[in-house]
């Protein structure tokens, strides 16, 4: 289902999501962050994620091979953020 936030709802997919959540939580704890941005890449597809202490916002899946400007624009805008806007506490 294309509207499902993550593409693979198998046991392996669920474990992968759990591992990604654990990494985000550990990063926020060890680096004293209020929020965190990550890019999840799987094959030719990607999703942008914004984490905070209680939730994660997940973008729609996009094909970064066919539409590389999406990632380019994200990284360009991210580079212009202040440290606080990037999530540094």
PDB file of N, CA and C in Angstrom:
ATOM      1  N   UNK A   1       0.851  -1.183   0.000  1.00  0.00           N
ATOM      2  CA  UNK A   1       0.000   0.000   0.000  1.00  0.00           C
ATOM      3  C   UNK A   1       0.889   1.235   0.000  1.00  0.00           C
ATOM      4  N   UNK A   2       0.770   2.051  -1.015  1.00  0.00           N
ATOM      5  CA  UNK A   2       1.631   3.227  -1.171  1.00  0.00           C
ATOM      6  C   UNK A   2       1.432   4.257  -0.061  1.00  0.00           C
ATOM      7  N   UNK A   3       0.266   4.289   0.579  1.00  0.00           N
ATOM      8  CA  UNK A   3       0.006   5.257   1.638  1.00  0.00           C
ATOM      9  C   UNK A   3       0.550   4.808   2.994  1.00  0.00           C
ATOM     10  N   UNK A   4       0.960   3.543   3.100  1.00  0.00           N
ATOM     11  CA  UNK A   4       1.507   3.061   4.359  1.00  0.00           C
ATOM     12  C   UNK A   4       2.843   3.752   4.601  1.00  0.00           C
ATOM     13  N   UNK A   5       3.085   4.269   5.823  1.00  0.00           N
ATOM     14  CA  UNK A   5       4.295   5.057   6.075  1.00  0.00           C
ATOM     15  C   UNK A   5       5.605   4.358   5.751  1.00  0.00           C
ATOM     16  N   UNK A   6       5.631   3.050   5.872  1.00  0.00           N
ATOM     17  CA  UNK A   6       6.825   2.307   5.512  1.00  0.00           C
ATOM     18  C   UNK A   6       6.398   1.185   4.586  1.00  0.00           C
ATOM     19  N   UNK A   7       7.275   0.810   3.694  1.00  0.00           N
ATOM     20  CA  UNK A   7       6.878  -0.041   2.582  1.00  0.00           C
ATOM     21  C   UNK A   7       6.733  -1.519   2.890  1.00  0.00           C
ATOM     22  N   UNK A   8       7.417  -2.033   3.859  1.00  0.00           N
ATOM     23  CA  UNK A   8       7.444  -3.469   4.074  1.00  0.00           C
ATOM     24  C   UNK A   8       6.860  -3.795   5.442  1.00  0.00           C
ATOM     25  N   UNK A   9       5.669  -4.379   5.479  1.00  0.00           N
ATOM     26  CA  UNK A   9       5.015  -4.678   6.749  1.00  0.00           C
ATOM     27  C   UNK A   9       5.239  -6.129   7.186  1.00  0.00           C
ATOM     28  N   UNK A  10       6.327  -6.728   6.743  1.00  0.00           N
ATOM     29  CA  UNK A  10       6.689  -8.076   7.174  1.00  0.00           C
ATOM     30  C   UNK A  10       7.380  -8.003   8.533  1.00  0.00           C
ATOM     31  N   UNK A  11       7.652  -9.145   9.117  1.00  0.00           N
ATOM     32  CA  UNK A  11       8.377  -9.181  10.387  1.00  0.00           C
ATOM     33  C   UNK A  11       9.744  -8.521  10.238  1.00  0.00           C
ATOM     34  N   UNK A  12      10.411  -8.787   9.129  1.00  0.00           N
ATOM     35  CA  UNK A  12      11.722  -8.163   8.885  1.00  0.00           C
ATOM     36  C   UNK A  12      11.584  -6.643   8.779  1.00  0.00           C
ATOM     37  N   UNK A  13      10.545  -6.179   8.087  1.00  0.00           N
ATOM     38  CA  UNK A  13      10.304  -4.744   7.971  1.00  0.00           C
ATOM     39  C   UNK A  13      10.017  -4.109   9.319  1.00  0.00           C
ATOM     40  N   UNK A  14       9.241  -4.799  10.160  1.00  0.00           N
ATOM     41  CA  UNK A  14       8.942  -4.291  11.498  1.00  0.00           C
ATOM     42  C   UNK A  14      10.211  -4.205  12.342  1.00  0.00           C
ATOM     43  N   UNK A  15      11.061  -5.199  12.237  1.00  0.00           N
ATOM     44  CA  UNK A  15      12.324  -5.168  12.988  1.00  0.00           C
ATOM     45  C   UNK A  15      13.237  -4.048  12.497  1.00  0.00           C
ATOM     46  N   UNK A  16      13.248  -3.842  11.193  1.00  0.00           N
ATOM     47  CA  UNK A  16      14.057  -2.756  10.632  1.00  0.00           C
ATOM     48  C   UNK A  16      13.568  -1.413  11.152  1.00  0.00           C
ATOM     49  N   UNK A  17      12.257  -1.199  11.165  1.00  0.00           N
ATOM     50  CA  UNK A  17      11.710   0.053  11.701  1.00  0.00           C
ATOM     51  C   UNK A  17      12.074   0.217  13.169  1.00  0.00           C
ATOM     52  N   UNK A  18      12.009  -0.873  13.936  1.00  0.00           N
ATOM     53  CA  UNK A  18      12.392  -0.805  15.343  1.00  0.00           C
ATOM     54  C   UNK A  18      13.848  -0.414  15.516  1.00  0.00           C
ATOM     55  N   UNK A  19      14.704  -0.949  14.667  1.00  0.00           N
ATOM     56  CA  UNK A  19      16.131  -0.621  14.722  1.00  0.00           C
ATOM     57  C   UNK A  19      16.354   0.849  14.371  1.00  0.00           C
ATOM     58  N   UNK A  20      15.658   1.346  13.355  1.00  0.00           N
ATOM     59  CA  UNK A  20      15.782   2.754  12.965  1.00  0.00           C
ATOM     60  C   UNK A  20      15.327   3.654  14.111  1.00  0.00           C
ATOM     61  N   UNK A  21      14.232   3.292  14.774  1.00  0.00           N
ATOM     62  CA  UNK A  21      13.747   4.069  15.917  1.00  0.00           C
ATOM     63  C   UNK A  21      14.769   4.063  17.052  1.00  0.00           C
ATOM     64  N   UNK A  22      15.375   2.920  17.303  1.00  0.00           N
ATOM     65  CA  UNK A  22      16.386   2.832  18.358  1.00  0.00           C
ATOM     66  C   UNK A  22      17.588   3.713  18.042  1.00  0.00           C
ATOM     67  N   UNK A  23      18.032   3.721  16.787  1.00  0.00           N
ATOM     68  CA  UNK A  23      19.158   4.573  16.394  1.00  0.00           C
ATOM     69  C   UNK A  23      18.818   6.050  16.574  1.00  0.00           C
ATOM     70  N   UNK A  24      17.614   6.438  16.174  1.00  0.00           N
ATOM     71  CA  UNK A  24      17.216   7.843  16.317  1.00  0.00           C
ATOM     72  C   UNK A  24      17.168   8.230  17.794  1.00  0.00           C
ATOM     73  N   UNK A  25      16.596   7.372  18.628  1.00  0.00           N
ATOM     74  CA  UNK A  25      16.536   7.655  20.061  1.00  0.00           C
ATOM     75  C   UNK A  25      17.914   7.764  20.683  1.00  0.00           C
ATOM     76  N   UNK A  26      18.807   6.862  20.314  1.00  0.00           N
ATOM     77  CA  UNK A  26      20.172   6.901  20.850  1.00  0.00           C
ATOM     78  C   UNK A  26      20.903   8.160  20.397  1.00  0.00           C
ATOM     79  N   UNK A  27      20.728   8.540  19.148  1.00  0.00           N
ATOM     80  CA  UNK A  27      21.375   9.749  18.633  1.00  0.00           C
ATOM     81  C   UNK A  27      20.891  10.974  19.389  1.00  0.00           C
ATOM     82  N   UNK A  28      19.582  11.065  19.599  1.00  0.00           N
ATOM     83  CA  UNK A  28      19.041  12.230  20.307  1.00  0.00           C
ATOM     84  C   UNK A  28      19.521  12.279  21.751  1.00  0.00           C
ATOM     85  N   UNK A  29      19.666  11.130  22.382  1.00  0.00           N
ATOM     86  CA  UNK A  29      20.127  11.079  23.770  1.00  0.00           C
ATOM     87  C   UNK A  29      21.610  11.424  23.883  1.00  0.00           C
ATOM     88  N   UNK A  30      22.429  10.823  23.047  1.00  0.00           N
ATOM     89  CA  UNK A  30      23.875  11.013  23.142  1.00  0.00           C
ATOM     90  C   UNK A  30      24.324  12.386  22.659  1.00  0.00           C
ATOM     91  N   UNK A  31      23.578  13.000  21.759  1.00  0.00           N
ATOM     92  CA  UNK A  31      23.977  14.293  21.213  1.00  0.00           C
ATOM     93  C   UNK A  31      23.140  15.442  21.765  1.00  0.00           C
ATOM     94  N   UNK A  32      22.298  15.193  22.756  1.00  0.00           N
ATOM     95  CA  UNK A  32      21.478  16.232  23.387  1.00  0.00           C
ATOM     96  C   UNK A  32      20.694  17.028  22.343  1.00  0.00           C
ATOM     97  N   UNK A  33      19.825  16.342  21.642  1.00  0.00           N
ATOM     98  CA  UNK A  33      19.038  16.960  20.581  1.00  0.00           C
ATOM     99  C   UNK A  33      17.581  17.101  20.999  1.00  0.00           C
ATOM    100  N   UNK A  34      16.935  18.147  20.479  1.00  0.00           N
ATOM    101  CA  UNK A  34      15.493  18.305  20.657  1.00  0.00           C
ATOM    102  C   UNK A  34      14.750  17.613  19.534  1.00  0.00           C
ATOM    103  N   UNK A  35      15.360  17.547  18.378  1.00  0.00           N
ATOM    104  CA  UNK A  35      14.805  16.827  17.236  1.00  0.00           C
ATOM    105  C   UNK A  35      15.945  16.431  16.306  1.00  0.00           C
ATOM    106  N   UNK A  36      15.608  15.617  15.316  1.00  0.00           N
ATOM    107  CA  UNK A  36      16.623  15.034  14.447  1.00  0.00           C
ATOM    108  C   UNK A  36      16.023  14.812  13.068  1.00  0.00           C
ATOM    109  N   UNK A  37      16.791  15.088  12.040  1.00  0.00           N
ATOM    110  CA  UNK A  37      16.380  14.796  10.666  1.00  0.00           C
ATOM    111  C   UNK A  37      17.191  13.609  10.161  1.00  0.00           C
ATOM    112  N   UNK A  38      16.529  12.684   9.476  1.00  0.00           N
ATOM    113  CA  UNK A  38      17.235  11.574   8.851  1.00  0.00           C
ATOM    114  C   UNK A  38      16.678  11.338   7.455  1.00  0.00           C
ATOM    115  N   UNK A  39      17.487  10.693   6.645  1.00  0.00           N
ATOM    116  CA  UNK A  39      17.072  10.280   5.307  1.00  0.00           C
ATOM    117  C   UNK A  39      17.160   8.763   5.273  1.00  0.00           C
ATOM    118  N   UNK A  40      16.057   8.124   4.949  1.00  0.00           N
ATOM    119  CA  UNK A  40      16.005   6.669   4.843  1.00  0.00           C
ATOM    120  C   UNK A  40      16.031   6.307   3.367  1.00  0.00           C
ATOM    121  N   UNK A  41      17.054   5.573   2.958  1.00  0.00           N
ATOM    122  CA  UNK A  41      17.211   5.193   1.548  1.00  0.00           C
ATOM    123  C   UNK A  41      17.074   3.683   1.440  1.00  0.00           C
ATOM    124  N   UNK A  42      16.238   3.255   0.519  1.00  0.00           N
ATOM    125  CA  UNK A  42      16.036   1.832   0.266  1.00  0.00           C
ATOM    126  C   UNK A  42      15.849   1.655  -1.227  1.00  0.00           C
ATOM    127  N   UNK A  43      16.871   1.045  -1.856  1.00  0.00           N
ATOM    128  CA  UNK A  43      16.849   0.907  -3.317  1.00  0.00           C
ATOM    129  C   UNK A  43      16.859   2.285  -3.960  1.00  0.00           C
ATOM    130  N   UNK A  44      16.031   2.502  -4.976  1.00  0.00           N
ATOM    131  CA  UNK A  44      15.985   3.809  -5.628  1.00  0.00           C
ATOM    132  C   UNK A  44      15.074   4.798  -4.908  1.00  0.00           C
ATOM    133  N   UNK A  45      14.540   4.400  -3.752  1.00  0.00           N
ATOM    134  CA  UNK A  45      13.569   5.231  -3.040  1.00  0.00           C
ATOM    135  C   UNK A  45      14.161   5.815  -1.769  1.00  0.00           C
ATOM    136  N   UNK A  46      13.542   6.891  -1.319  1.00  0.00           N
ATOM    137  CA  UNK A  46      13.963   7.523  -0.074  1.00  0.00           C
ATOM    138  C   UNK A  46      12.753   8.129   0.616  1.00  0.00           C
ATOM    139  N   UNK A  47      12.915   8.374   1.897  1.00  0.00           N
ATOM    140  CA  UNK A  47      11.941   9.107   2.700  1.00  0.00           C
ATOM    141  C   UNK A  47      12.724  10.051   3.605  1.00  0.00           C
ATOM    142  N   UNK A  48      12.146  11.200   3.886  1.00  0.00           N
ATOM    143  CA  UNK A  48      12.716  12.150   4.829  1.00  0.00           C
ATOM    144  C   UNK A  48      11.965  11.981   6.147  1.00  0.00           C
ATOM    145  N   UNK A  49      12.705  11.967   7.256  1.00  0.00           N
ATOM    146  CA  UNK A  49      12.090  11.773   8.567  1.00  0.00           C
ATOM    147  C   UNK A  49      12.533  12.884   9.504  1.00  0.00           C
ATOM    148  N   UNK A  50      11.584  13.375  10.303  1.00  0.00           N
ATOM    149  CA  UNK A  50      11.894  14.355  11.345  1.00  0.00           C
ATOM    150  C   UNK A  50      11.416  13.766  12.672  1.00  0.00           C
ATOM    151  N   UNK A  51      12.363  13.532  13.557  1.00  0.00           N
ATOM    152  CA  UNK A  51      12.098  12.898  14.839  1.00  0.00           C
ATOM    153  C   UNK A  51      12.090  13.942  15.952  1.00  0.00           C
ATOM    154  N   UNK A  52      11.234  13.752  16.954  1.00  0.00           N
ATOM    155  CA  UNK A  52      11.371  14.460  18.220  1.00  0.00           C
ATOM    156  C   UNK A  52      11.170  13.424  19.323  1.00  0.00           C
ATOM    157  N   UNK A  53      11.046  13.851  20.550  1.00  0.00           N
ATOM    158  CA  UNK A  53      11.001  12.893  21.663  1.00  0.00           C
ATOM    159  C   UNK A  53       9.716  12.064  21.707  1.00  0.00           C
ATOM    160  N   UNK A  54       8.678  12.497  21.001  1.00  0.00           N
ATOM    161  CA  UNK A  54       7.410  11.769  21.098  1.00  0.00           C
ATOM    162  C   UNK A  54       6.880  11.224  19.781  1.00  0.00           C
ATOM    163  N   UNK A  55       7.489  11.611  18.663  1.00  0.00           N
ATOM    164  CA  UNK A  55       6.920  11.184  17.381  1.00  0.00           C
ATOM    165  C   UNK A  55       7.943  11.290  16.256  1.00  0.00           C
ATOM    166  N   UNK A  56       7.520  10.817  15.101  1.00  0.00           N
ATOM    167  CA  UNK A  56       8.318  10.969  13.883  1.00  0.00           C
ATOM    168  C   UNK A  56       7.365  11.355  12.760  1.00  0.00           C
ATOM    169  N   UNK A  57       7.790  12.288  11.935  1.00  0.00           N
ATOM    170  CA  UNK A  57       7.044  12.676  10.742  1.00  0.00           C
ATOM    171  C   UNK A  57       7.779  12.075   9.557  1.00  0.00           C
ATOM    172  N   UNK A  58       7.059  11.337   8.730  1.00  0.00           N
ATOM    173  CA  UNK A  58       7.657  10.604   7.615  1.00  0.00           C
ATOM    174  C   UNK A  58       7.092  11.134   6.308  1.00  0.00           C
ATOM    175  N   UNK A  59       7.972  11.465   5.377  1.00  0.00           N
ATOM    176  CA  UNK A  59       7.518  11.939   4.065  1.00  0.00           C
ATOM    177  C   UNK A  59       6.984  10.779   3.236  1.00  0.00           C
ATOM    178  N   UNK A  60       6.347  11.116   2.156  1.00  0.00           N
ATOM    179  CA  UNK A  60       5.970  10.100   1.176  1.00  0.00           C
ATOM    180  C   UNK A  60       7.244   9.547   0.545  1.00  0.00           C
ATOM    181  N   UNK A  61       7.165   8.326   0.114  1.00  0.00           N
ATOM    182  CA  UNK A  61       8.284   7.709  -0.590  1.00  0.00           C
ATOM    183  C   UNK A  61       8.476   8.424  -1.925  1.00  0.00           C
ATOM    184  N   UNK A  62       9.735   8.659  -2.285  1.00  0.00           N
ATOM    185  CA  UNK A  62      10.020   9.243  -3.598  1.00  0.00           C
ATOM    186  C   UNK A  62      11.224   8.540  -4.204  1.00  0.00           C
ATOM    187  N   UNK A  63      11.279   8.555  -5.519  1.00  0.00           N
ATOM    188  CA  UNK A  63      12.369   7.929  -6.260  1.00  0.00           C
ATOM    189  C   UNK A  63      13.458   8.985  -6.441  1.00  0.00           C
ATOM    190  N   UNK A  64      14.516   8.880  -5.650  1.00  0.00           N
ATOM    191  CA  UNK A  64      15.568   9.897  -5.713  1.00  0.00           C
ATOM    192  C   UNK A  64      16.459   9.731  -6.941  1.00  0.00           C
ATOM    193  N   UNK A  65      16.397   8.575  -7.591  1.00  0.00           N
ATOM    194  CA  UNK A  65      17.161   8.380  -8.828  1.00  0.00           C
ATOM    195  C   UNK A  65      16.505   9.176  -9.953  1.00  0.00           C
ATOM    196  N   UNK A  66      15.175   9.093 -10.039  1.00  0.00           N
ATOM    197  CA  UNK A  66      14.447   9.836 -11.066  1.00  0.00           C
ATOM    198  C   UNK A  66      14.275  11.305 -10.706  1.00  0.00           C
ATOM    199  N   UNK A  67      14.206  11.603  -9.403  1.00  0.00           N
ATOM    200  CA  UNK A  67      13.973  12.974  -8.939  1.00  0.00           C
ATOM    201  C   UNK A  67      15.042  13.385  -7.923  1.00  0.00           C
ATOM    202  N   UNK A  68      16.289  13.505  -8.352  1.00  0.00           N
ATOM    203  CA  UNK A  68      17.373  13.812  -7.406  1.00  0.00           C
ATOM    204  C   UNK A  68      17.268  15.209  -6.797  1.00  0.00           C
ATOM    205  N   UNK A  69      16.515  16.100  -7.423  1.00  0.00           N
ATOM    206  CA  UNK A  69      16.394  17.455  -6.881  1.00  0.00           C
ATOM    207  C   UNK A  69      15.710  17.479  -5.520  1.00  0.00           C
ATOM    208  N   UNK A  70      14.893  16.481  -5.220  1.00  0.00           N
ATOM    209  CA  UNK A  70      14.244  16.451  -3.907  1.00  0.00           C
ATOM    210  C   UNK A  70      15.303  16.366  -2.810  1.00  0.00           C
ATOM    211  N   UNK A  71      16.241  15.438  -2.946  1.00  0.00           N
ATOM    212  CA  UNK A  71      17.312  15.324  -1.947  1.00  0.00           C
ATOM    213  C   UNK A  71      18.233  16.534  -1.973  1.00  0.00           C
ATOM    214  N   UNK A  72      18.556  17.000  -3.153  1.00  0.00           N
ATOM    215  CA  UNK A  72      19.421  18.169  -3.275  1.00  0.00           C
ATOM    216  C   UNK A  72      18.818  19.355  -2.533  1.00  0.00           C
ATOM    217  N   UNK A  73      17.534  19.603  -2.765  1.00  0.00           N
ATOM    218  CA  UNK A  73      16.874  20.743  -2.109  1.00  0.00           C
ATOM    219  C   UNK A  73      16.801  20.551  -0.599  1.00  0.00           C
ATOM    220  N   UNK A  74      16.555  19.327  -0.155  1.00  0.00           N
ATOM    221  CA  UNK A  74      16.526  19.073   1.280  1.00  0.00           C
ATOM    222  C   UNK A  74      17.882  19.404   1.905  1.00  0.00           C
ATOM    223  N   UNK A  75      18.958  18.858   1.336  1.00  0.00           N
ATOM    224  CA  UNK A  75      20.291  19.099   1.896  1.00  0.00           C
ATOM    225  C   UNK A  75      20.705  20.564   1.777  1.00  0.00           C
ATOM    226  N   UNK A  76      20.318  21.217   0.713  1.00  0.00           N
ATOM    227  CA  UNK A  76      20.636  22.643   0.561  1.00  0.00           C
ATOM    228  C   UNK A  76      19.950  23.450   1.658  1.00  0.00           C
ATOM    229  N   UNK A  77      18.684  23.181   1.894  1.00  0.00           N
ATOM    230  CA  UNK A  77      17.954  23.908   2.940  1.00  0.00           C
ATOM    231  C   UNK A  77      18.463  23.534   4.328  1.00  0.00           C
ATOM    232  N   UNK A  78      18.771  22.265   4.529  1.00  0.00           N
ATOM    233  CA  UNK A  78      19.299  21.824   5.816  1.00  0.00           C
ATOM    234  C   UNK A  78      20.608  22.544   6.134  1.00  0.00           C
ATOM    235  N   UNK A  79      21.453  22.709   5.143  1.00  0.00           N
ATOM    236  CA  UNK A  79      22.745  23.373   5.340  1.00  0.00           C
ATOM    237  C   UNK A  79      22.586  24.832   5.762  1.00  0.00           C
ATOM    238  N   UNK A  80      21.442  25.428   5.467  1.00  0.00           N
ATOM    239  CA  UNK A  80      21.200  26.829   5.804  1.00  0.00           C
ATOM    240  C   UNK A  80      20.561  27.008   7.181  1.00  0.00           C
ATOM    241  N   UNK A  81      20.198  25.919   7.842  1.00  0.00           N
ATOM    242  CA  UNK A  81      19.573  26.000   9.160  1.00  0.00           C
ATOM    243  C   UNK A  81      20.603  26.336  10.233  1.00  0.00           C
ATOM    244  N   UNK A  82      20.137  26.980  11.293  1.00  0.00           N
ATOM    245  CA  UNK A  82      20.991  27.189  12.460  1.00  0.00           C
ATOM    246  C   UNK A  82      21.127  25.861  13.204  1.00  0.00           C
ATOM    247  N   UNK A  83      22.065  25.793  14.134  1.00  0.00           N
ATOM    248  CA  UNK A  83      22.220  24.566  14.918  1.00  0.00           C
ATOM    249  C   UNK A  83      20.947  24.243  15.696  1.00  0.00           C
ATOM    250  N   UNK A  84      20.296  25.256  16.243  1.00  0.00           N
ATOM    251  CA  UNK A  84      19.043  25.029  16.974  1.00  0.00           C
ATOM    252  C   UNK A  84      17.957  24.498  16.043  1.00  0.00           C
ATOM    253  N   UNK A  85      17.892  25.031  14.836  1.00  0.00           N
ATOM    254  CA  UNK A  85      16.903  24.551  13.874  1.00  0.00           C
ATOM    255  C   UNK A  85      17.208  23.120  13.429  1.00  0.00           C
ATOM    256  N   UNK A  86      18.472  22.736  13.505  1.00  0.00           N
ATOM    257  CA  UNK A  86      18.857  21.356  13.172  1.00  0.00           C
ATOM    258  C   UNK A  86      18.599  20.398  14.326  1.00  0.00           C
ATOM    259  N   UNK A  87      18.228  20.940  15.487  1.00  0.00           N
ATOM    260  CA  UNK A  87      17.871  20.101  16.623  1.00  0.00           C
ATOM    261  C   UNK A  87      18.843  20.097  17.774  1.00  0.00           C
ATOM    262  N   UNK A  88      19.921  20.861  17.673  1.00  0.00           N
ATOM    263  CA  UNK A  88      20.890  20.899  18.776  1.00  0.00           C
ATOM    264  C   UNK A  88      20.259  21.584  19.977  1.00  0.00           C
ATOM    265  N   UNK A  89      20.443  20.974  21.137  1.00  0.00           N
ATOM    266  CA  UNK A  89      19.862  21.506  22.367  1.00  0.00           C
ATOM    267  C   UNK A  89      20.830  22.475  23.020  1.00  0.00           C
TER     268      UNK A  89
END
